Amino acid sequence: MDPFSSVNEGAREFRDWQGQHFAKLADDQKHRDNPVYKVMDAVKKYVEEFERSLDEDHEVGVRLVSYGSTVIFHAEYIGFCPPNVITFSGVTTEGERVQLIQHVSQLSFILKAVPKTNEKPRRIGFNANGA
């Protein structure tokens, strides 16, 4: 039994929903004036480039850099909440749900190729409206 199957189904539904809303938000001028959206665009670009470099046996892991001990997790979502908050959420290799909430000025993380935990590697979804 796949312990992440309900998580993956929720991730697919969330990506479908956010895909419908992301384009509208990106075109809205009031959002373009907020620096968090520039950070969002840059992070999204780097993550998507990294994902394109992965084979079918790997997915994106995130290693948090500034917490003393190493925290690595399978990334599912990266969210942005104006005016200055970024969130990372996912699942550790032990199956624990994790979420980091951080000010964009403290942003520091490493994208890492990690072995997939399901038949199909998960890809990161983006949430640009702080929901």
Protein backbone atom coordinates (compact mmCIF):
# COMPACT_ATOMS: atom_id res chain seq x y z
CA MET A 1 0.00 0.00 0.00
CA ASP A 2 1.31 3.43 -0.95
CA PRO A 3 1.34 5.66 2.17
CA PHE A 4 1.43 8.76 -0.04
CA SER A 5 -1.48 7.90 -2.39
CA SER A 6 -3.99 10.29 -0.77
CA VAL A 7 -1.32 12.98 -0.55
CA ASN A 8 -0.52 12.54 -4.26
CA GLU A 9 -4.21 12.71 -5.25
CA GLY A 10 -4.58 15.91 -3.23
CA ALA A 11 -1.43 17.29 -4.86
CA ARG A 12 -2.85 16.61 -8.34
CA GLU A 13 -6.15 18.31 -7.46
CA PHE A 14 -4.33 21.29 -5.97
CA ARG A 15 -2.06 21.65 -9.04
CA ASP A 16 -5.14 21.59 -11.30
CA TRP A 17 -6.81 24.29 -9.21
CA GLN A 18 -3.75 26.49 -8.95
CA GLY A 19 -2.99 26.16 -12.66
CA GLN A 20 -6.35 27.79 -13.38
CA HIS A 21 -5.63 30.69 -11.03
CA PHE A 22 -1.88 31.25 -11.45
CA ALA A 23 -2.06 32.79 -14.94
CA LYS A 24 -4.68 35.31 -13.82
CA LEU A 25 -2.59 36.36 -10.83
CA ALA A 26 0.61 36.66 -12.85
CA ASP A 27 -1.04 39.13 -15.21
CA ASP A 28 -2.53 41.30 -12.49
CA GLN A 29 -0.43 44.49 -12.21
CA LYS A 30 -0.95 44.94 -8.47
CA HIS A 31 0.80 41.60 -7.97
CA ARG A 32 3.67 42.50 -10.28
CA ASP A 33 4.43 45.53 -8.08
CA ASN A 34 4.96 43.31 -5.03
CA PRO A 35 8.55 41.99 -4.60
CA VAL A 36 7.36 38.56 -3.40
CA TYR A 37 6.09 37.88 -6.92
CA LYS A 38 9.53 38.55 -8.36
CA VAL A 39 10.92 36.03 -5.86
CA MET A 40 8.12 33.63 -6.80
CA ASP A 41 8.92 33.92 -10.50
CA ALA A 42 12.62 33.28 -9.86
CA VAL A 43 12.04 30.30 -7.55
CA LYS A 44 9.47 28.82 -9.95
CA LYS A 45 11.91 29.17 -12.86
CA TYR A 46 14.75 27.47 -10.97
CA VAL A 47 12.54 24.64 -9.69
CA GLU A 48 11.09 23.97 -13.14
CA GLU A 49 14.60 23.93 -14.67
CA PHE A 50 15.75 21.51 -11.98
CA GLU A 51 12.71 19.27 -12.52
CA ARG A 52 13.44 19.12 -16.27
CA SER A 53 16.92 17.80 -15.48
CA LEU A 54 15.57 14.86 -13.45
CA ASP A 55 15.03 11.37 -14.79
CA GLU A 56 11.84 9.38 -14.14
CA ASP A 57 13.34 7.79 -11.02
CA HIS A 58 13.84 11.05 -9.14
CA GLU A 59 11.82 13.96 -7.83
CA VAL A 60 12.69 17.26 -6.20
CA GLY A 61 13.80 17.20 -2.62
CA VAL A 62 14.49 20.31 -0.60
CA ARG A 63 17.33 20.58 1.87
CA LEU A 64 16.89 23.42 4.31
CA VAL A 65 20.20 25.14 4.79
CA SER A 66 19.94 27.36 7.85
CA TYR A 67 18.60 25.17 10.65
CA GLY A 68 21.66 23.57 12.21
CA SER A 69 20.53 20.01 11.60
CA THR A 70 19.81 18.80 8.09
CA VAL A 71 16.17 18.67 7.04
CA ILE A 72 15.45 17.02 3.69
CA PHE A 73 11.95 16.44 2.37
CA HIS A 74 10.09 15.54 -0.82
CA ALA A 75 8.72 18.88 -1.95
CA GLU A 76 5.08 19.15 -3.00
CA TYR A 77 4.18 22.84 -2.90
CA ILE A 78 5.88 26.18 -2.77
CA GLY A 79 3.55 28.98 -1.78
CA PHE A 80 3.89 32.74 -1.70
CA CYS A 81 1.88 35.06 0.50
CA PRO A 82 2.25 38.79 -0.08
CA PRO A 83 3.85 40.88 0.98
CA ASN A 84 6.86 38.77 2.02
CA VAL A 85 6.23 35.15 3.05
CA ILE A 86 7.21 31.95 1.25
CA THR A 87 6.12 28.47 2.33
CA PHE A 88 7.48 25.04 1.49
CA SER A 89 5.50 21.89 2.19
CA GLY A 90 6.07 18.21 1.62
CA VAL A 91 6.80 14.89 3.25
CA THR A 92 9.98 13.56 4.86
CA THR A 93 11.29 10.12 3.92
CA GLU A 94 9.79 8.94 7.22
CA GLY A 95 6.32 10.06 6.05
CA GLU A 96 6.08 13.12 8.30
CA ARG A 97 4.27 16.15 6.87
CA VAL A 98 6.41 19.30 7.00
CA GLN A 99 5.85 22.95 6.22
CA LEU A 100 8.30 25.82 6.45
CA ILE A 101 7.01 29.39 6.66
CA GLN A 102 9.74 31.91 6.01
CA HIS A 103 10.31 35.58 5.20
CA VAL A 104 11.67 35.92 1.65
CA SER A 105 14.72 37.83 2.93
CA GLN A 106 15.79 34.65 4.76
CA LEU A 107 15.33 32.38 1.76
CA SER A 108 18.03 29.72 1.60
CA PHE A 109 17.47 26.16 0.40
CA ILE A 110 19.04 23.52 -1.83
CA LEU A 111 17.14 21.65 -4.53
CA LYS A 112 18.20 18.01 -4.39
CA ALA A 113 17.36 15.01 -6.58
CA VAL A 114 15.85 12.34 -4.33
CA PRO A 115 14.57 8.88 -5.26
CA LYS A 116 10.84 8.92 -6.02
CA THR A 117 8.53 7.41 -3.42
CA ASN A 118 5.78 6.40 -5.88
CA GLU A 119 5.53 4.88 -9.33
CA LYS A 120 5.41 8.34 -10.87
CA PRO A 121 7.69 11.09 -9.50
CA ARG A 122 5.83 14.00 -7.95
CA ARG A 123 6.43 17.49 -9.27
CA ILE A 124 6.14 20.70 -7.28
CA GLY A 125 3.02 22.81 -7.40
CA PHE A 126 3.04 26.56 -6.86
CA ASN A 127 0.53 28.62 -4.95
CA ALA A 128 0.75 32.29 -5.75
CA ASN A 129 -2.15 33.70 -3.79
CA GLY A 130 -1.26 32.85 -0.21
CA ALA A 131 -4.20 30.49 0.22
